Each structure stands twice: as C-alpha cells, then as structure tokens.
C-alpha cells in the first residue's frame, strides 16, 4: 500500500492510503480476508468525545506492532490532543466566568431596584405625595384608580346533563368585568318567586348536584362586581337524569 497525501489544512496534514481496492473487495493473496474500513462518525462527536477518541488512539498505537514504526502520526495526534484540550479548558473557563458575571449582574440589578425603591419612598414622604412635586423629580406617577364598569347581561347560557344522576351543568360567555357569577335554579313552571340561589362561582361554568331525578330545572346566571349585580341571563331548562 502507498501513502498518498491529498491536502493540508491549518491544523494538520490529512492522509489516505491508496490500496487500489474497492471497499468489500477481497485482498489479493488473502482470499479469506475482506477489506475493512473504519466507521468513526467524527462529525457526530462533541469536542470532548473527539479528545477522548484522540487519547484512546494514541494509547492504543503506542508500541503496537500493528502500527507503523516509527509512527509519525502520533505526533500529529498528540498536537491535536494538546491544542484541543487547551481550547476546551479555555472555553470552560470562559463559560464559568460568564456565569459568574451574569450572577453579579443580576445582583447589581436587584441592588439598583432596592436603592430606587428606597429613594421613591423617601421622595413620596418628603413631598407629601404631591403629584406635581413628584413629577418635577422625574418620577412616573401611577394612574388614578377607576371604578369597574357595571356588569352586562350574561349571554350564551347553555345547560346540559350527563350520566350522573341528579346533576345539571351550565356554561356561559365570560363577562369581562365580572368578579363572580350568581347561579339560580327554578322548578318548572317558572314563577316570580320560584327562583332560589344555588351557588356563586368565579368561573363561567357550574355543575349542580343532588337535584331530583325526572324533574325539569331552569337555570339563570348574572354577573357581579363592585358595582353590584348585572341583569339575569335568559333561562335554560333541562330534565334532570
């Protein structure tokens, strides 16, 4: 076999053996041996894995009768291992330094926030919370609190029953300014006094249990906030399973 140099890069020469054979072809004079090829899959390995592979190759080739003697490639591999280890150590050190710097940066941010909060509290007290004086100090002012809008009518009330005996569910479109919802039920037929309070919920759905099976129940819902309750929804009816 002849050694053929095909190209150089900035790190090391790259060589290949020119045997004149095709992969899988029988080696002349050794009819029972098929030409073998190495499957290193180098592009899939990380730098650390490559460094470990380099070290394993150097160890395995040193003093091995199956390697050339003298083996000029070991010096190339050793240089690659030394330079790669140096670069990897520099990367680890830089990463550790970046992590430490990031932590220090965040600590400084918290210190600035604490200092600003102390200054703001002091200026609020010194100016007796006067808006004009605080604004003259370049301090942004909070927007004046506004009362919530009155609740609108709950719409899209849909009731349903499932396999659970004595249970009835309802869901509706969320009212944007609602803090909670009051749910009432009425037997059939509805009268002005037939409605009774069942539950107050904060989500736009409810399930009521322990209702008499085989009877009809009407449901209605209204939204509530600090301005009081809104109008009742249109009622919806189901026969309780």
C-alpha atoms as a PDB file:
ATOM      1  CA  UNK A   1       0.000   0.000   0.000  1.00  0.00           C
ATOM      2  CA  UNK A   2       1.225   3.527  -0.805  1.00  0.00           C
ATOM      3  CA  UNK A   3       0.672   6.567   1.363  1.00  0.00           C
ATOM      4  CA  UNK A   4      -0.834   9.451  -0.618  1.00  0.00           C
ATOM      5  CA  UNK A   5      -1.085  12.977   0.842  1.00  0.00           C
ATOM      6  CA  UNK A   6      -4.180  14.716  -0.548  1.00  0.00           C
ATOM      7  CA  UNK A   7      -4.431  18.068   1.216  1.00  0.00           C
ATOM      8  CA  UNK A   8      -3.322  20.241   4.132  1.00  0.00           C
ATOM      9  CA  UNK A   9      -5.407  22.347   6.431  1.00  0.00           C
ATOM     10  CA  UNK A  10      -4.428  24.889   9.074  1.00  0.00           C
ATOM     11  CA  UNK A  11      -4.071  22.257  11.774  1.00  0.00           C
ATOM     12  CA  UNK A  12      -2.549  19.117  10.366  1.00  0.00           C
ATOM     13  CA  UNK A  13      -1.917  17.138   7.140  1.00  0.00           C
ATOM     14  CA  UNK A  14      -4.611  14.747   6.055  1.00  0.00           C
ATOM     15  CA  UNK A  15      -3.553  11.444   4.516  1.00  0.00           C
ATOM     16  CA  UNK A  16      -5.206   8.469   2.887  1.00  0.00           C
ATOM     17  CA  UNK A  17      -3.995   5.055   1.914  1.00  0.00           C
ATOM     18  CA  UNK A  18      -4.329   4.171  -1.770  1.00  0.00           C
ATOM     19  CA  UNK A  19      -4.677   0.391  -1.932  1.00  0.00           C
ATOM     20  CA  UNK A  20      -6.218   0.232  -5.367  1.00  0.00           C
ATOM     21  CA  UNK A  21      -9.044  -1.831  -3.880  1.00  0.00           C
ATOM     22  CA  UNK A  22     -12.750  -1.185  -3.595  1.00  0.00           C
ATOM     23  CA  UNK A  23     -14.391  -1.436  -0.186  1.00  0.00           C
ATOM     24  CA  UNK A  24     -15.574  -5.031   0.325  1.00  0.00           C
ATOM     25  CA  UNK A  25     -13.207  -6.427  -2.330  1.00  0.00           C
ATOM     26  CA  UNK A  26     -11.063  -9.428  -1.404  1.00  0.00           C
ATOM     27  CA  UNK A  27      -7.449  -8.523  -0.673  1.00  0.00           C
ATOM     28  CA  UNK A  28      -5.128 -10.205  -3.244  1.00  0.00           C
ATOM     29  CA  UNK A  29      -3.286 -13.162  -1.792  1.00  0.00           C
ATOM     30  CA  UNK A  30      -5.618 -13.261   1.212  1.00  0.00           C
ATOM     31  CA  UNK A  31      -8.798 -14.677  -0.258  1.00  0.00           C
ATOM     32  CA  UNK A  32     -10.393 -15.166   3.173  1.00  0.00           C
ATOM     33  CA  UNK A  33      -9.984 -11.510   4.205  1.00  0.00           C
ATOM     34  CA  UNK A  34     -12.233  -8.695   3.044  1.00  0.00           C
ATOM     35  CA  UNK A  35     -11.043  -5.092   3.035  1.00  0.00           C
ATOM     36  CA  UNK A  36     -12.269  -3.374   6.246  1.00  0.00           C
ATOM     37  CA  UNK A  37     -12.999   0.300   6.733  1.00  0.00           C
ATOM     38  CA  UNK A  38     -13.191   2.410   9.904  1.00  0.00           C
ATOM     39  CA  UNK A  39     -16.552   3.899  10.938  1.00  0.00           C
ATOM     40  CA  UNK A  40     -15.621   6.711  13.328  1.00  0.00           C
ATOM     41  CA  UNK A  41     -18.596   9.072  12.629  1.00  0.00           C
ATOM     42  CA  UNK A  42     -16.444  12.019  13.682  1.00  0.00           C
ATOM     43  CA  UNK A  43     -18.940  14.736  12.684  1.00  0.00           C
ATOM     44  CA  UNK A  44     -21.392  13.403  15.261  1.00  0.00           C
ATOM     45  CA  UNK A  45     -18.957  13.694  18.169  1.00  0.00           C
ATOM     46  CA  UNK A  46     -18.560  16.616  20.510  1.00  0.00           C
ATOM     47  CA  UNK A  47     -15.150  18.170  21.162  1.00  0.00           C
ATOM     48  CA  UNK A  48     -14.839  16.271  24.431  1.00  0.00           C
ATOM     49  CA  UNK A  49     -15.664  12.995  22.690  1.00  0.00           C
ATOM     50  CA  UNK A  50     -13.079  13.763  19.991  1.00  0.00           C
ATOM     51  CA  UNK A  51     -10.437  14.469  22.643  1.00  0.00           C
ATOM     52  CA  UNK A  52     -11.242  11.177  24.352  1.00  0.00           C
ATOM     53  CA  UNK A  53     -11.013   9.414  20.980  1.00  0.00           C
ATOM     54  CA  UNK A  54      -7.627  11.031  20.287  1.00  0.00           C
ATOM     55  CA  UNK A  55      -6.301   9.863  23.662  1.00  0.00           C
ATOM     56  CA  UNK A  56      -7.590   6.323  23.044  1.00  0.00           C
ATOM     57  CA  UNK A  57      -5.905   6.236  19.611  1.00  0.00           C
ATOM     58  CA  UNK A  58      -2.572   7.480  20.977  1.00  0.00           C
ATOM     59  CA  UNK A  59      -2.642   4.945  23.798  1.00  0.00           C
ATOM     60  CA  UNK A  60      -3.614   2.092  21.500  1.00  0.00           C
ATOM     61  CA  UNK A  61      -0.989   2.890  18.821  1.00  0.00           C
ATOM     62  CA  UNK A  62       1.923   3.456  21.194  1.00  0.00           C
ATOM     63  CA  UNK A  63       4.133   0.358  20.988  1.00  0.00           C
ATOM     64  CA  UNK A  64       1.530  -1.503  18.931  1.00  0.00           C
ATOM     65  CA  UNK A  65       3.143  -3.754  16.270  1.00  0.00           C
ATOM     66  CA  UNK A  66       0.107  -3.204  14.026  1.00  0.00           C
ATOM     67  CA  UNK A  67       1.014   0.490  13.678  1.00  0.00           C
ATOM     68  CA  UNK A  68       3.938   1.863  11.642  1.00  0.00           C
ATOM     69  CA  UNK A  69       7.309   2.195  13.372  1.00  0.00           C
ATOM     70  CA  UNK A  70       8.249   4.942  13.771  1.00  0.00           C
ATOM     71  CA  UNK A  71       4.690   6.267  13.809  1.00  0.00           C
ATOM     72  CA  UNK A  72       4.894   9.878  12.661  1.00  0.00           C
ATOM     73  CA  UNK A  73       1.132  10.266  13.010  1.00  0.00           C
ATOM     74  CA  UNK A  74       1.283  10.027  16.805  1.00  0.00           C
ATOM     75  CA  UNK A  75       2.981  13.423  16.988  1.00  0.00           C
ATOM     76  CA  UNK A  76       0.177  14.930  14.890  1.00  0.00           C
ATOM     77  CA  UNK A  77      -2.486  13.316  17.063  1.00  0.00           C
ATOM     78  CA  UNK A  78      -0.719  14.439  20.229  1.00  0.00           C
ATOM     79  CA  UNK A  79      -0.595  18.037  18.959  1.00  0.00           C
ATOM     80  CA  UNK A  80      -4.300  17.902  18.150  1.00  0.00           C
ATOM     81  CA  UNK A  81      -4.998  16.498  21.617  1.00  0.00           C
ATOM     82  CA  UNK A  82      -2.897  19.133  23.374  1.00  0.00           C
ATOM     83  CA  UNK A  83      -4.336  22.059  21.400  1.00  0.00           C
ATOM     84  CA  UNK A  84      -7.888  20.727  21.687  1.00  0.00           C
ATOM     85  CA  UNK A  85      -7.548  20.270  25.447  1.00  0.00           C
ATOM     86  CA  UNK A  86      -6.223  23.818  25.790  1.00  0.00           C
ATOM     87  CA  UNK A  87      -9.089  25.271  23.760  1.00  0.00           C
ATOM     88  CA  UNK A  88     -11.656  23.232  25.681  1.00  0.00           C
ATOM     89  CA  UNK A  89     -10.226  24.354  29.021  1.00  0.00           C
ATOM     90  CA  UNK A  90     -10.320  27.964  27.834  1.00  0.00           C
ATOM     91  CA  UNK A  91     -13.943  27.527  26.796  1.00  0.00           C
ATOM     92  CA  UNK A  92     -14.889  26.045  30.181  1.00  0.00           C
ATOM     93  CA  UNK A  93     -13.124  28.883  31.988  1.00  0.00           C
ATOM     94  CA  UNK A  94     -14.872  31.470  29.818  1.00  0.00           C
ATOM     95  CA  UNK A  95     -18.239  29.800  30.410  1.00  0.00           C
ATOM     96  CA  UNK A  96     -17.675  29.774  34.172  1.00  0.00           C
ATOM     97  CA  UNK A  97     -16.629  33.425  34.051  1.00  0.00           C
ATOM     98  CA  UNK A  98     -19.737  34.323  32.029  1.00  0.00           C
ATOM     99  CA  UNK A  99     -21.972  32.510  34.536  1.00  0.00           C
ATOM    100  CA  UNK A 100     -20.337  34.341  37.432  1.00  0.00           C
ATOM    101  CA  UNK A 101     -20.598  37.682  35.620  1.00  0.00           C
ATOM    102  CA  UNK A 102     -24.274  37.054  34.888  1.00  0.00           C
ATOM    103  CA  UNK A 103     -24.954  36.343  38.558  1.00  0.00           C
ATOM    104  CA  UNK A 104     -23.105  39.505  39.598  1.00  0.00           C
ATOM    105  CA  UNK A 105     -25.044  41.491  37.006  1.00  0.00           C
ATOM    106  CA  UNK A 106     -28.354  40.247  38.389  1.00  0.00           C
ATOM    107  CA  UNK A 107     -27.244  41.027  41.946  1.00  0.00           C
ATOM    108  CA  UNK A 108     -26.418  44.561  40.858  1.00  0.00           C
ATOM    109  CA  UNK A 109     -29.824  44.876  39.197  1.00  0.00           C
ATOM    110  CA  UNK A 110     -31.519  43.898  42.468  1.00  0.00           C
ATOM    111  CA  UNK A 111     -29.359  46.390  44.367  1.00  0.00           C
ATOM    112  CA  UNK A 112     -30.395  49.151  41.955  1.00  0.00           C
ATOM    113  CA  UNK A 113     -34.073  48.257  42.376  1.00  0.00           C
ATOM    114  CA  UNK A 114     -33.778  48.316  46.171  1.00  0.00           C
ATOM    115  CA  UNK A 115     -31.999  51.671  46.048  1.00  0.00           C
ATOM    116  CA  UNK A 116     -34.605  53.165  43.715  1.00  0.00           C
ATOM    117  CA  UNK A 117     -37.480  51.889  45.860  1.00  0.00           C
ATOM    118  CA  UNK A 118     -35.898  53.474  48.938  1.00  0.00           C
ATOM    119  CA  UNK A 119     -35.464  56.774  47.064  1.00  0.00           C
ATOM    120  CA  UNK A 120     -39.040  56.718  45.736  1.00  0.00           C
ATOM    121  CA  UNK A 121     -40.469  56.035  49.193  1.00  0.00           C
ATOM    122  CA  UNK A 122     -38.406  58.880  50.647  1.00  0.00           C
ATOM    123  CA  UNK A 123     -39.478  61.347  47.949  1.00  0.00           C
ATOM    124  CA  UNK A 124     -43.131  60.395  48.344  1.00  0.00           C
ATOM    125  CA  UNK A 125     -42.905  61.132  52.052  1.00  0.00           C
ATOM    126  CA  UNK A 126     -40.883  64.339  51.542  1.00  0.00           C
ATOM    127  CA  UNK A 127     -43.343  65.777  49.009  1.00  0.00           C
ATOM    128  CA  UNK A 128     -46.348  64.558  50.996  1.00  0.00           C
ATOM    129  CA  UNK A 129     -47.392  62.564  47.915  1.00  0.00           C
ATOM    130  CA  UNK A 130     -47.924  65.738  45.874  1.00  0.00           C
ATOM    131  CA  UNK A 131     -48.321  64.789  42.211  1.00  0.00           C
ATOM    132  CA  UNK A 132     -46.753  67.960  40.767  1.00  0.00           C
ATOM    133  CA  UNK A 133     -43.713  67.783  43.040  1.00  0.00           C
ATOM    134  CA  UNK A 134     -43.164  64.090  42.318  1.00  0.00           C
ATOM    135  CA  UNK A 135     -43.476  64.701  38.567  1.00  0.00           C
ATOM    136  CA  UNK A 136     -40.886  67.524  38.833  1.00  0.00           C
ATOM    137  CA  UNK A 137     -38.458  64.934  40.232  1.00  0.00           C
ATOM    138  CA  UNK A 138     -38.881  62.822  37.046  1.00  0.00           C
ATOM    139  CA  UNK A 139     -40.781  60.186  38.992  1.00  0.00           C
ATOM    140  CA  UNK A 140     -43.545  58.467  36.974  1.00  0.00           C
ATOM    141  CA  UNK A 141     -46.960  58.554  38.644  1.00  0.00           C
ATOM    142  CA  UNK A 142     -49.444  55.748  38.944  1.00  0.00           C
ATOM    143  CA  UNK A 143     -52.662  56.062  37.002  1.00  0.00           C
ATOM    144  CA  UNK A 144     -55.620  57.022  39.127  1.00  0.00           C
ATOM    145  CA  UNK A 145     -57.745  54.053  40.049  1.00  0.00           C
ATOM    146  CA  UNK A 146     -61.006  53.907  38.174  1.00  0.00           C
ATOM    147  CA  UNK A 147     -64.062  52.028  39.395  1.00  0.00           C
ATOM    148  CA  UNK A 148     -65.022  48.956  37.364  1.00  0.00           C
ATOM    149  CA  UNK A 149     -67.798  49.212  34.831  1.00  0.00           C
ATOM    150  CA  UNK A 150     -71.198  47.749  35.679  1.00  0.00           C
ATOM    151  CA  UNK A 151     -71.680  44.144  34.630  1.00  0.00           C
ATOM    152  CA  UNK A 152     -73.537  43.410  31.441  1.00  0.00           C
ATOM    153  CA  UNK A 153     -76.040  40.642  30.833  1.00  0.00           C
ATOM    154  CA  UNK A 154     -74.634  37.126  30.814  1.00  0.00           C
ATOM    155  CA  UNK A 155     -75.210  35.612  27.377  1.00  0.00           C
ATOM    156  CA  UNK A 156     -74.910  32.215  25.705  1.00  0.00           C
ATOM    157  CA  UNK A 157     -76.026  30.224  28.749  1.00  0.00           C
ATOM    158  CA  UNK A 158     -76.042  26.546  27.757  1.00  0.00           C
ATOM    159  CA  UNK A 159     -77.191  23.810  30.112  1.00  0.00           C
ATOM    160  CA  UNK A 160     -76.556  20.087  29.828  1.00  0.00           C
ATOM    161  CA  UNK A 161     -76.924  16.785  31.662  1.00  0.00           C
ATOM    162  CA  UNK A 162     -74.755  13.699  31.547  1.00  0.00           C
ATOM    163  CA  UNK A 163     -74.726  10.219  33.020  1.00  0.00           C
ATOM    164  CA  UNK A 164     -74.511  11.447  36.623  1.00  0.00           C
ATOM    165  CA  UNK A 165     -77.865  11.096  38.338  1.00  0.00           C
ATOM    166  CA  UNK A 166     -79.257  14.329  39.803  1.00  0.00           C
ATOM    167  CA  UNK A 167     -76.664  16.573  38.122  1.00  0.00           C
ATOM    168  CA  UNK A 168     -77.059  19.545  35.794  1.00  0.00           C
ATOM    169  CA  UNK A 169     -74.266  21.659  34.275  1.00  0.00           C
ATOM    170  CA  UNK A 170     -74.210  25.131  32.787  1.00  0.00           C
ATOM    171  CA  UNK A 171     -71.686  27.289  30.973  1.00  0.00           C
ATOM    172  CA  UNK A 172     -71.838  30.786  29.522  1.00  0.00           C
ATOM    173  CA  UNK A 173     -69.788  33.513  27.864  1.00  0.00           C
ATOM    174  CA  UNK A 174     -67.449  35.203  30.317  1.00  0.00           C
ATOM    175  CA  UNK A 175     -68.458  38.727  31.255  1.00  0.00           C
ATOM    176  CA  UNK A 176     -65.258  40.828  31.007  1.00  0.00           C
ATOM    177  CA  UNK A 177     -65.751  42.917  34.167  1.00  0.00           C
ATOM    178  CA  UNK A 178     -67.327  40.209  36.337  1.00  0.00           C
ATOM    179  CA  UNK A 179     -65.715  39.234  39.619  1.00  0.00           C
ATOM    180  CA  UNK A 180     -68.140  36.343  40.199  1.00  0.00           C
ATOM    181  CA  UNK A 181     -71.409  34.839  38.977  1.00  0.00           C
ATOM    182  CA  UNK A 182     -74.585  34.038  40.886  1.00  0.00           C
ATOM    183  CA  UNK A 183     -76.475  30.922  39.780  1.00  0.00           C
ATOM    184  CA  UNK A 184     -80.162  30.336  40.483  1.00  0.00           C
ATOM    185  CA  UNK A 185     -82.486  27.412  39.722  1.00  0.00           C
ATOM    186  CA  UNK A 186     -86.256  27.167  39.386  1.00  0.00           C
ATOM    187  CA  UNK A 187     -88.616  24.209  39.100  1.00  0.00           C
ATOM    188  CA  UNK A 188     -90.975  24.082  36.165  1.00  0.00           C
ATOM    189  CA  UNK A 189     -93.047  26.146  35.609  1.00  0.00           C
ATOM    190  CA  UNK A 190     -91.226  29.407  36.376  1.00  0.00           C
ATOM    191  CA  UNK A 191     -92.973  31.917  38.639  1.00  0.00           C
ATOM    192  CA  UNK A 192     -91.801  35.266  40.041  1.00  0.00           C
ATOM    193  CA  UNK A 193     -90.967  33.558  43.356  1.00  0.00           C
ATOM    194  CA  UNK A 194     -89.754  30.159  42.145  1.00  0.00           C
ATOM    195  CA  UNK A 195     -86.086  31.110  41.747  1.00  0.00           C
ATOM    196  CA  UNK A 196     -83.670  30.101  44.537  1.00  0.00           C
ATOM    197  CA  UNK A 197     -80.000  30.850  44.992  1.00  0.00           C
ATOM    198  CA  UNK A 198     -77.777  27.814  44.401  1.00  0.00           C
ATOM    199  CA  UNK A 199     -74.135  28.887  44.302  1.00  0.00           C
ATOM    200  CA  UNK A 200     -71.752  31.759  43.499  1.00  0.00           C
ATOM    201  CA  UNK A 201     -68.804  30.879  41.260  1.00  0.00           C
ATOM    202  CA  UNK A 202     -65.847  32.754  39.806  1.00  0.00           C
ATOM    203  CA  UNK A 203     -65.629  30.819  36.527  1.00  0.00           C
ATOM    204  CA  UNK A 204     -68.062  30.823  33.628  1.00  0.00           C
ATOM    205  CA  UNK A 205     -69.336  27.323  34.305  1.00  0.00           C
ATOM    206  CA  UNK A 206     -71.040  25.358  37.059  1.00  0.00           C
ATOM    207  CA  UNK A 207     -72.287  21.880  37.935  1.00  0.00           C
ATOM    208  CA  UNK A 208     -75.175  21.469  40.369  1.00  0.00           C
ATOM    209  CA  UNK A 209     -75.777  18.084  42.024  1.00  0.00           C
ATOM    210  CA  UNK A 210     -78.360  16.439  44.298  1.00  0.00           C
ATOM    211  CA  UNK A 211     -81.295  17.533  42.133  1.00  0.00           C
ATOM    212  CA  UNK A 212     -84.488  15.441  41.923  1.00  0.00           C
ATOM    213  CA  UNK A 213     -84.322  12.989  39.012  1.00  0.00           C
ATOM    214  CA  UNK A 214     -87.013  13.162  36.376  1.00  0.00           C
ATOM    215  CA  UNK A 215     -87.930  16.777  37.078  1.00  0.00           C
ATOM    216  CA  UNK A 216     -87.261  19.867  34.985  1.00  0.00           C
ATOM    217  CA  UNK A 217     -84.975  22.570  36.312  1.00  0.00           C
ATOM    218  CA  UNK A 218     -84.411  26.040  34.875  1.00  0.00           C
ATOM    219  CA  UNK A 219     -81.085  27.831  35.344  1.00  0.00           C
ATOM    220  CA  UNK A 220     -80.198  31.520  35.120  1.00  0.00           C
ATOM    221  CA  UNK A 221     -76.972  33.417  35.823  1.00  0.00           C
ATOM    222  CA  UNK A 222     -75.913  37.005  36.481  1.00  0.00           C
ATOM    223  CA  UNK A 223     -72.505  38.635  36.779  1.00  0.00           C
ATOM    224  CA  UNK A 224     -71.386  40.548  39.879  1.00  0.00           C
ATOM    225  CA  UNK A 225     -68.592  43.048  40.634  1.00  0.00           C
ATOM    226  CA  UNK A 226     -68.029  46.019  42.971  1.00  0.00           C
ATOM    227  CA  UNK A 227     -70.744  47.933  41.125  1.00  0.00           C
ATOM    228  CA  UNK A 228     -73.258  45.245  42.029  1.00  0.00           C
ATOM    229  CA  UNK A 229     -75.030  42.511  40.051  1.00  0.00           C
ATOM    230  CA  UNK A 230     -75.851  42.770  36.371  1.00  0.00           C
ATOM    231  CA  UNK A 231     -79.075  41.633  34.643  1.00  0.00           C
ATOM    232  CA  UNK A 232     -80.083  37.975  34.673  1.00  0.00           C
ATOM    233  CA  UNK A 233     -79.372  35.824  31.649  1.00  0.00           C
ATOM    234  CA  UNK A 234     -82.110  34.165  29.660  1.00  0.00           C
ATOM    235  CA  UNK A 235     -83.047  30.919  31.458  1.00  0.00           C
ATOM    236  CA  UNK A 236     -82.216  27.458  30.142  1.00  0.00           C
ATOM    237  CA  UNK A 237     -84.037  24.228  31.039  1.00  0.00           C
ATOM    238  CA  UNK A 238     -83.089  20.541  31.368  1.00  0.00           C
ATOM    239  CA  UNK A 239     -84.759  17.404  32.631  1.00  0.00           C
ATOM    240  CA  UNK A 240     -82.628  16.022  35.442  1.00  0.00           C
ATOM    241  CA  UNK A 241     -81.402  12.420  34.860  1.00  0.00           C
END
